[in-house]
Amino acid sequence: MNKADEAAQLFAKGSNCAQSILFPFGRQFFRGDVSAFRLASAFGGGIASRGEICGAVSGSLMVIGLHFGYSPADEVSAKAEVRQISNEFLQAFEQRFGDLHCCKLLQHDLSTAEGREEAKLSGAFQSVCPALIEGAATILEEILLKYSAATRQRITGPG
């Protein structure tokens, strides 16, 4: 099963969007399966169900940080690289779906109990979120392949 399919299955089983992305793409960075789910717990529904940045986007950015992130001691080029990779992901997601914000993607105000209930009753979570998760996973997979190869080449040299 590929990671996009795994992400979709996790969402279908009750994981939030950020958890659905972070777990399959970041599991090798965690000591146990539960850590990835816990880390991404507050990012569902557009960050704590506020309708802000889509959880699939937040989860993807966490994965980019795990793969290409830097520590305070790292050089400036590492910071610029992760910023470039992150912005490439954000631009691709926004181009594909028209926005980065959960409330706009779902067309419901998730910051209120009424808005969340309307989204639930309308089926927005079941009809919109799986496509967002699959799209984010596909974009993320392409970016990880692209930059992992470029990073390896930079470290080892051509050929």
N, C-alpha and C. Protein backbone atom coordinates (compact mmCIF):
# COMPACT_ATOMS: atom_id res chain seq x y z
N MET A 1 0.85 -1.17 0.00
CA MET A 1 0.00 0.00 0.00
C MET A 1 0.90 1.24 0.00
N ASN A 2 0.58 2.21 -0.86
CA ASN A 2 1.39 3.42 -0.87
C ASN A 2 0.97 4.36 0.27
N LYS A 3 1.76 5.37 0.51
CA LYS A 3 1.52 6.25 1.66
C LYS A 3 0.26 7.09 1.50
N ALA A 4 -0.10 7.47 0.29
CA ALA A 4 -1.33 8.23 0.07
C ALA A 4 -2.55 7.37 0.42
N ASP A 5 -2.53 6.10 0.03
CA ASP A 5 -3.62 5.18 0.39
C ASP A 5 -3.68 4.96 1.89
N GLU A 6 -2.51 4.82 2.50
CA GLU A 6 -2.47 4.63 3.95
C GLU A 6 -3.03 5.85 4.67
N ALA A 7 -2.68 7.03 4.18
CA ALA A 7 -3.20 8.27 4.78
C ALA A 7 -4.72 8.32 4.67
N ALA A 8 -5.24 7.97 3.50
CA ALA A 8 -6.69 7.97 3.31
C ALA A 8 -7.37 6.96 4.23
N GLN A 9 -6.77 5.80 4.41
CA GLN A 9 -7.34 4.78 5.29
C GLN A 9 -7.32 5.23 6.75
N LEU A 10 -6.25 5.90 7.15
CA LEU A 10 -6.18 6.40 8.53
C LEU A 10 -7.28 7.41 8.80
N PHE A 11 -7.52 8.29 7.82
CA PHE A 11 -8.59 9.27 7.98
C PHE A 11 -9.94 8.57 8.06
N ALA A 12 -10.15 7.60 7.21
CA ALA A 12 -11.42 6.86 7.21
C ALA A 12 -11.65 6.14 8.54
N LYS A 13 -10.57 5.79 9.23
CA LYS A 13 -10.68 5.09 10.51
C LYS A 13 -10.77 6.04 11.70
N GLY A 14 -10.76 7.37 11.44
CA GLY A 14 -10.96 8.32 12.52
C GLY A 14 -9.79 9.22 12.87
N SER A 15 -8.66 9.07 12.20
CA SER A 15 -7.55 9.99 12.45
C SER A 15 -7.87 11.34 11.84
N ASN A 16 -7.32 12.41 12.42
CA ASN A 16 -7.55 13.72 11.79
C ASN A 16 -6.60 13.87 10.60
N CYS A 17 -6.76 14.95 9.86
CA CYS A 17 -5.99 15.15 8.62
C CYS A 17 -4.49 15.18 8.88
N ALA A 18 -4.06 15.90 9.92
CA ALA A 18 -2.63 16.00 10.21
C ALA A 18 -2.06 14.64 10.62
N GLN A 19 -2.78 13.91 11.45
CA GLN A 19 -2.34 12.58 11.85
C GLN A 19 -2.25 11.65 10.65
N SER A 20 -3.21 11.76 9.75
CA SER A 20 -3.25 10.89 8.57
C SER A 20 -2.06 11.08 7.66
N ILE A 21 -1.51 12.28 7.63
CA ILE A 21 -0.32 12.56 6.82
C ILE A 21 0.95 12.24 7.61
N LEU A 22 1.03 12.72 8.84
CA LEU A 22 2.26 12.59 9.62
C LEU A 22 2.64 11.13 9.86
N PHE A 23 1.68 10.29 10.17
CA PHE A 23 2.03 8.92 10.53
C PHE A 23 2.70 8.15 9.38
N PRO A 24 2.09 8.04 8.21
CA PRO A 24 2.77 7.22 7.18
C PRO A 24 4.07 7.84 6.67
N PHE A 25 4.15 9.17 6.64
CA PHE A 25 5.35 9.81 6.10
C PHE A 25 6.43 10.05 7.15
N GLY A 26 6.08 10.00 8.43
CA GLY A 26 7.05 10.32 9.45
C GLY A 26 7.33 9.22 10.46
N ARG A 27 6.73 8.07 10.27
CA ARG A 27 6.84 7.02 11.30
C ARG A 27 8.27 6.65 11.64
N GLN A 28 9.18 6.72 10.69
CA GLN A 28 10.56 6.32 10.98
C GLN A 28 11.26 7.26 11.95
N PHE A 29 10.68 8.44 12.19
CA PHE A 29 11.29 9.40 13.10
C PHE A 29 10.81 9.23 14.55
N PHE A 30 9.84 8.37 14.77
CA PHE A 30 9.23 8.22 16.09
C PHE A 30 9.57 6.87 16.69
N ARG A 31 9.69 6.82 18.00
CA ARG A 31 10.00 5.57 18.70
C ARG A 31 8.83 4.61 18.71
N GLY A 32 7.64 5.14 18.76
CA GLY A 32 6.44 4.30 18.76
C GLY A 32 5.37 4.94 17.90
N ASP A 33 4.45 4.12 17.45
CA ASP A 33 3.40 4.62 16.55
C ASP A 33 2.58 5.75 17.17
N VAL A 34 2.37 5.71 18.46
CA VAL A 34 1.48 6.66 19.10
C VAL A 34 2.05 8.09 19.09
N SER A 35 3.36 8.25 19.06
CA SER A 35 3.96 9.59 19.11
C SER A 35 3.55 10.48 17.95
N ALA A 36 3.53 9.95 16.75
CA ALA A 36 3.13 10.74 15.58
C ALA A 36 1.69 11.18 15.71
N PHE A 37 0.83 10.30 16.17
CA PHE A 37 -0.58 10.65 16.34
C PHE A 37 -0.75 11.72 17.41
N ARG A 38 -0.01 11.59 18.52
CA ARG A 38 -0.11 12.58 19.58
C ARG A 38 0.38 13.94 19.11
N LEU A 39 1.51 13.97 18.41
CA LEU A 39 2.06 15.23 17.93
C LEU A 39 1.07 15.98 17.05
N ALA A 40 0.38 15.26 16.19
CA ALA A 40 -0.53 15.90 15.23
C ALA A 40 -1.95 16.09 15.76
N SER A 41 -2.21 15.69 16.98
CA SER A 41 -3.57 15.72 17.54
C SER A 41 -4.24 17.09 17.49
N ALA A 42 -3.52 18.13 17.76
CA ALA A 42 -4.12 19.47 17.86
C ALA A 42 -4.28 20.16 16.51
N PHE A 43 -3.94 19.50 15.41
CA PHE A 43 -3.94 20.16 14.11
C PHE A 43 -5.14 19.82 13.24
N GLY A 44 -6.02 18.95 13.70
CA GLY A 44 -7.22 18.61 12.93
C GLY A 44 -8.22 19.75 12.92
N GLY A 45 -9.01 19.80 11.87
CA GLY A 45 -10.03 20.85 11.76
C GLY A 45 -9.43 22.23 11.57
N GLY A 46 -8.24 22.28 11.01
CA GLY A 46 -7.61 23.58 10.78
C GLY A 46 -7.05 24.16 12.06
N ILE A 47 -6.29 23.39 12.79
CA ILE A 47 -5.65 23.72 14.06
C ILE A 47 -6.70 23.89 15.15
N ALA A 48 -6.86 22.83 15.90
CA ALA A 48 -7.79 22.79 17.04
C ALA A 48 -9.22 23.15 16.64
N SER A 49 -9.62 22.70 15.45
CA SER A 49 -10.97 22.95 14.92
C SER A 49 -11.32 24.42 14.84
N ARG A 50 -10.34 25.25 14.48
CA ARG A 50 -10.56 26.69 14.30
C ARG A 50 -10.74 27.07 12.84
N GLY A 51 -10.56 26.11 11.92
CA GLY A 51 -10.72 26.41 10.51
C GLY A 51 -9.52 27.10 9.89
N GLU A 52 -8.40 27.09 10.57
CA GLU A 52 -7.19 27.74 10.06
C GLU A 52 -6.53 26.85 9.01
N ILE A 53 -5.23 26.72 9.02
CA ILE A 53 -4.51 25.93 8.02
C ILE A 53 -4.97 24.47 8.09
N CYS A 54 -5.29 23.92 6.93
CA CYS A 54 -5.74 22.53 6.80
C CYS A 54 -4.78 21.58 7.50
N GLY A 55 -5.33 20.61 8.21
CA GLY A 55 -4.51 19.63 8.91
C GLY A 55 -3.61 18.82 7.99
N ALA A 56 -4.07 18.55 6.78
CA ALA A 56 -3.22 17.83 5.82
C ALA A 56 -2.00 18.66 5.46
N VAL A 57 -2.17 19.96 5.42
CA VAL A 57 -1.05 20.87 5.16
C VAL A 57 -0.12 20.90 6.37
N SER A 58 -0.68 21.05 7.56
CA SER A 58 0.14 21.07 8.78
C SER A 58 0.94 19.78 8.93
N GLY A 59 0.28 18.65 8.71
CA GLY A 59 0.97 17.37 8.80
C GLY A 59 2.09 17.26 7.77
N SER A 60 1.85 17.76 6.58
CA SER A 60 2.87 17.72 5.52
C SER A 60 4.06 18.59 5.89
N LEU A 61 3.80 19.75 6.47
CA LEU A 61 4.90 20.63 6.88
C LEU A 61 5.70 20.00 8.02
N MET A 62 5.03 19.27 8.90
CA MET A 62 5.75 18.54 9.95
C MET A 62 6.68 17.50 9.33
N VAL A 63 6.20 16.80 8.32
CA VAL A 63 7.02 15.79 7.65
C VAL A 63 8.21 16.44 6.95
N ILE A 64 7.98 17.56 6.29
CA ILE A 64 9.09 18.29 5.64
C ILE A 64 10.12 18.68 6.69
N GLY A 65 9.66 19.15 7.85
CA GLY A 65 10.58 19.49 8.92
C GLY A 65 11.36 18.29 9.41
N LEU A 66 10.71 17.15 9.54
CA LEU A 66 11.40 15.94 9.98
C LEU A 66 12.48 15.52 8.98
N HIS A 67 12.17 15.63 7.70
CA HIS A 67 13.11 15.19 6.67
C HIS A 67 14.22 16.20 6.39
N PHE A 68 13.89 17.49 6.39
CA PHE A 68 14.84 18.50 5.94
C PHE A 68 15.09 19.61 6.94
N GLY A 69 14.47 19.51 8.11
CA GLY A 69 14.56 20.58 9.10
C GLY A 69 15.96 20.79 9.64
N TYR A 70 16.09 21.80 10.45
CA TYR A 70 17.38 22.21 10.99
C TYR A 70 17.26 22.41 12.49
N SER A 71 18.39 22.44 13.14
CA SER A 71 18.45 22.75 14.57
C SER A 71 19.03 24.16 14.70
N PRO A 72 18.97 24.74 15.89
CA PRO A 72 19.49 26.11 16.04
C PRO A 72 20.94 26.28 15.62
N ALA A 73 21.72 25.22 15.69
CA ALA A 73 23.14 25.32 15.35
C ALA A 73 23.41 25.19 13.85
N ASP A 74 22.41 24.83 13.07
CA ASP A 74 22.63 24.61 11.65
C ASP A 74 22.87 25.91 10.90
N GLU A 75 23.46 25.76 9.75
CA GLU A 75 23.81 26.92 8.94
C GLU A 75 22.58 27.54 8.27
N VAL A 76 22.75 28.75 7.81
CA VAL A 76 21.68 29.52 7.19
C VAL A 76 21.12 28.82 5.96
N SER A 77 21.97 28.11 5.21
CA SER A 77 21.49 27.45 3.98
C SER A 77 20.47 26.37 4.30
N ALA A 78 20.59 25.70 5.45
CA ALA A 78 19.61 24.69 5.84
C ALA A 78 18.26 25.34 6.10
N LYS A 79 18.26 26.51 6.71
CA LYS A 79 17.02 27.24 6.97
C LYS A 79 16.38 27.66 5.66
N ALA A 80 17.18 28.14 4.75
CA ALA A 80 16.66 28.57 3.45
C ALA A 80 16.11 27.38 2.67
N GLU A 81 16.77 26.24 2.78
CA GLU A 81 16.32 25.04 2.05
C GLU A 81 14.95 24.57 2.55
N VAL A 82 14.77 24.48 3.86
CA VAL A 82 13.49 24.01 4.38
C VAL A 82 12.39 25.02 4.08
N ARG A 83 12.72 26.28 4.07
CA ARG A 83 11.74 27.31 3.71
C ARG A 83 11.32 27.15 2.24
N GLN A 84 12.30 26.91 1.36
CA GLN A 84 12.02 26.71 -0.06
C GLN A 84 11.15 25.47 -0.28
N ILE A 85 11.51 24.38 0.36
CA ILE A 85 10.75 23.14 0.20
C ILE A 85 9.33 23.32 0.72
N SER A 86 9.19 23.94 1.88
CA SER A 86 7.87 24.19 2.47
C SER A 86 7.02 25.06 1.57
N ASN A 87 7.60 26.13 1.05
CA ASN A 87 6.84 27.01 0.16
C ASN A 87 6.45 26.33 -1.13
N GLU A 88 7.29 25.46 -1.63
CA GLU A 88 6.94 24.70 -2.84
C GLU A 88 5.71 23.82 -2.56
N PHE A 89 5.70 23.17 -1.41
CA PHE A 89 4.54 22.36 -1.04
C PHE A 89 3.30 23.25 -0.92
N LEU A 90 3.40 24.35 -0.20
CA LEU A 90 2.25 25.23 0.01
C LEU A 90 1.70 25.76 -1.31
N GLN A 91 2.57 26.16 -2.21
CA GLN A 91 2.12 26.66 -3.51
C GLN A 91 1.42 25.58 -4.31
N ALA A 92 1.96 24.38 -4.30
CA ALA A 92 1.34 23.28 -5.06
C ALA A 92 -0.03 22.94 -4.48
N PHE A 93 -0.14 22.88 -3.15
CA PHE A 93 -1.42 22.56 -2.52
C PHE A 93 -2.44 23.66 -2.82
N GLU A 94 -2.03 24.89 -2.66
CA GLU A 94 -2.95 26.01 -2.90
C GLU A 94 -3.38 26.08 -4.36
N GLN A 95 -2.46 25.81 -5.26
CA GLN A 95 -2.80 25.80 -6.69
C GLN A 95 -3.81 24.69 -6.99
N ARG A 96 -3.64 23.55 -6.38
CA ARG A 96 -4.51 22.41 -6.64
C ARG A 96 -5.90 22.58 -6.02
N PHE A 97 -5.96 23.14 -4.80
CA PHE A 97 -7.22 23.19 -4.07
C PHE A 97 -7.80 24.59 -3.87
N GLY A 98 -7.04 25.62 -4.23
CA GLY A 98 -7.57 26.98 -4.16
C GLY A 98 -7.36 27.71 -2.86
N ASP A 99 -6.94 27.02 -1.82
CA ASP A 99 -6.73 27.69 -0.53
C ASP A 99 -5.96 26.75 0.39
N LEU A 100 -5.50 27.29 1.51
CA LEU A 100 -4.81 26.50 2.52
C LEU A 100 -5.64 26.35 3.79
N HIS A 101 -6.69 27.15 3.90
CA HIS A 101 -7.48 27.22 5.13
C HIS A 101 -8.65 26.25 5.11
N CYS A 102 -8.76 25.51 6.19
CA CYS A 102 -9.78 24.47 6.34
C CYS A 102 -11.20 25.04 6.14
N CYS A 103 -11.48 26.18 6.74
CA CYS A 103 -12.83 26.74 6.65
C CYS A 103 -13.20 27.08 5.20
N LYS A 104 -12.24 27.53 4.42
CA LYS A 104 -12.51 27.84 3.01
C LYS A 104 -12.58 26.58 2.17
N LEU A 105 -11.74 25.62 2.47
CA LEU A 105 -11.76 24.37 1.72
C LEU A 105 -13.06 23.60 1.96
N LEU A 106 -13.54 23.63 3.20
CA LEU A 106 -14.77 22.92 3.55
C LEU A 106 -16.02 23.78 3.38
N GLN A 107 -15.82 25.08 3.23
CA GLN A 107 -16.91 26.06 3.09
C GLN A 107 -17.84 26.05 4.30
N HIS A 108 -17.22 25.92 5.49
CA HIS A 108 -17.95 25.97 6.76
C HIS A 108 -17.05 26.63 7.80
N ASP A 109 -17.65 27.38 8.71
CA ASP A 109 -16.92 28.02 9.79
C ASP A 109 -16.71 27.02 10.92
N LEU A 110 -15.53 26.44 10.96
CA LEU A 110 -15.26 25.41 11.96
C LEU A 110 -14.92 25.99 13.32
N SER A 111 -14.82 27.30 13.43
CA SER A 111 -14.47 27.92 14.71
C SER A 111 -15.65 27.96 15.67
N THR A 112 -16.84 27.62 15.19
CA THR A 112 -18.02 27.58 16.06
C THR A 112 -18.59 26.17 16.10
N ALA A 113 -19.25 25.86 17.20
CA ALA A 113 -19.89 24.54 17.32
C ALA A 113 -20.95 24.36 16.23
N GLU A 114 -21.66 25.44 15.93
CA GLU A 114 -22.70 25.37 14.88
C GLU A 114 -22.08 25.08 13.52
N GLY A 115 -20.98 25.75 13.22
CA GLY A 115 -20.31 25.55 11.94
C GLY A 115 -19.76 24.14 11.80
N ARG A 116 -19.20 23.62 12.89
CA ARG A 116 -18.69 22.24 12.85
C ARG A 116 -19.83 21.25 12.66
N GLU A 117 -20.95 21.51 13.30
CA GLU A 117 -22.11 20.64 13.16
C GLU A 117 -22.66 20.70 11.73
N GLU A 118 -22.73 21.90 11.16
CA GLU A 118 -23.18 22.05 9.76
C GLU A 118 -22.26 21.28 8.82
N ALA A 119 -20.96 21.39 9.04
CA ALA A 119 -19.99 20.68 8.19
C ALA A 119 -20.20 19.17 8.31
N LYS A 120 -20.42 18.73 9.53
CA LYS A 120 -20.65 17.30 9.76
C LYS A 120 -21.92 16.83 9.07
N LEU A 121 -23.01 17.58 9.26
CA LEU A 121 -24.30 17.20 8.67
C LEU A 121 -24.29 17.26 7.15
N SER A 122 -23.53 18.18 6.60
CA SER A 122 -23.47 18.30 5.14
C SER A 122 -22.61 17.21 4.49
N GLY A 123 -21.83 16.51 5.32
CA GLY A 123 -20.95 15.48 4.79
C GLY A 123 -19.63 16.02 4.28
N ALA A 124 -19.32 17.28 4.60
CA ALA A 124 -18.10 17.92 4.08
C ALA A 124 -16.84 17.15 4.50
N PHE A 125 -16.81 16.67 5.73
CA PHE A 125 -15.61 15.94 6.19
C PHE A 125 -15.39 14.67 5.37
N GLN A 126 -16.47 13.99 5.01
CA GLN A 126 -16.36 12.75 4.24
C GLN A 126 -16.18 13.00 2.74
N SER A 127 -16.69 14.12 2.25
CA SER A 127 -16.62 14.36 0.81
C SER A 127 -15.41 15.19 0.40
N VAL A 128 -14.92 16.07 1.26
CA VAL A 128 -13.83 16.97 0.89
C VAL A 128 -12.48 16.51 1.45
N CYS A 129 -12.46 16.16 2.73
CA CYS A 129 -11.18 15.86 3.40
C CYS A 129 -10.39 14.71 2.75
N PRO A 130 -11.02 13.62 2.36
CA PRO A 130 -10.21 12.55 1.73
C PRO A 130 -9.45 13.03 0.49
N ALA A 131 -10.04 13.88 -0.31
CA ALA A 131 -9.35 14.40 -1.50
C ALA A 131 -8.19 15.32 -1.09
N LEU A 132 -8.38 16.10 -0.03
CA LEU A 132 -7.32 16.98 0.46
C LEU A 132 -6.15 16.16 0.99
N ILE A 133 -6.45 15.10 1.72
CA ILE A 133 -5.42 14.23 2.27
C ILE A 133 -4.67 13.52 1.15
N GLU A 134 -5.40 12.98 0.21
CA GLU A 134 -4.75 12.29 -0.91
C GLU A 134 -3.90 13.27 -1.73
N GLY A 135 -4.43 14.45 -1.98
CA GLY A 135 -3.68 15.46 -2.73
C GLY A 135 -2.43 15.90 -1.99
N ALA A 136 -2.56 16.16 -0.69
CA ALA A 136 -1.39 16.56 0.11
C ALA A 136 -0.35 15.45 0.11
N ALA A 137 -0.79 14.22 0.27
CA ALA A 137 0.13 13.08 0.29
C ALA A 137 0.86 12.93 -1.04
N THR A 138 0.14 13.12 -2.13
CA THR A 138 0.75 13.00 -3.45
C THR A 138 1.79 14.10 -3.67
N ILE A 139 1.44 15.33 -3.34
CA ILE A 139 2.38 16.45 -3.47
C ILE A 139 3.59 16.21 -2.58
N LEU A 140 3.34 15.80 -1.35
CA LEU A 140 4.43 15.56 -0.39
C LEU A 140 5.36 14.46 -0.89
N GLU A 141 4.79 13.39 -1.40
CA GLU A 141 5.61 12.28 -1.92
C GLU A 141 6.53 12.77 -3.04
N GLU A 142 5.98 13.57 -3.95
CA GLU A 142 6.78 14.11 -5.05
C GLU A 142 7.90 15.00 -4.53
N ILE A 143 7.60 15.83 -3.55
CA ILE A 143 8.60 16.74 -3.01
C ILE A 143 9.68 15.97 -2.25
N LEU A 144 9.27 14.97 -1.47
CA LEU A 144 10.27 14.17 -0.75
C LEU A 144 11.21 13.46 -1.71
N LEU A 145 10.66 12.91 -2.78
CA LEU A 145 11.51 12.25 -3.78
C LEU A 145 12.46 13.25 -4.45
N LYS A 146 11.92 14.38 -4.84
CA LYS A 146 12.72 15.39 -5.52
C LYS A 146 13.86 15.89 -4.64
N TYR A 147 13.55 16.28 -3.43
CA TYR A 147 14.57 16.88 -2.59
C TYR A 147 15.46 15.85 -1.90
N SER A 148 14.97 14.67 -1.66
CA SER A 148 15.84 13.63 -1.09
C SER A 148 16.93 13.29 -2.09
N ALA A 149 16.57 13.17 -3.35
CA ALA A 149 17.56 12.88 -4.40
C ALA A 149 18.54 14.04 -4.53
N ALA A 150 18.04 15.27 -4.49
CA ALA A 150 18.91 16.44 -4.61
C ALA A 150 19.85 16.54 -3.41
N THR A 151 19.33 16.25 -2.21
CA THR A 151 20.16 16.29 -1.01
C THR A 151 21.24 15.23 -1.05
N ARG A 152 20.87 14.01 -1.47
CA ARG A 152 21.86 12.94 -1.59
C ARG A 152 22.95 13.32 -2.59
N GLN A 153 22.55 13.91 -3.71
CA GLN A 153 23.52 14.28 -4.75
C GLN A 153 24.47 15.36 -4.24
N ARG A 154 23.93 16.33 -3.48
CA ARG A 154 24.74 17.40 -2.94
C ARG A 154 25.77 16.86 -1.94
N ILE A 155 25.36 15.83 -1.17
CA ILE A 155 26.25 15.27 -0.15
C ILE A 155 27.29 14.34 -0.78
N THR A 156 26.86 13.50 -1.72
CA THR A 156 27.76 12.50 -2.28
C THR A 156 28.40 12.93 -3.60
N GLY A 157 27.88 13.94 -4.22
CA GLY A 157 28.37 14.39 -5.51
C GLY A 157 27.64 13.70 -6.64
N PRO A 158 27.77 14.18 -7.88
CA PRO A 158 27.07 13.59 -9.02
C PRO A 158 27.51 12.15 -9.28
N GLY A 159 26.54 11.36 -9.77
CA GLY A 159 26.81 9.98 -10.19
C GLY A 159 26.87 9.08 -9.06
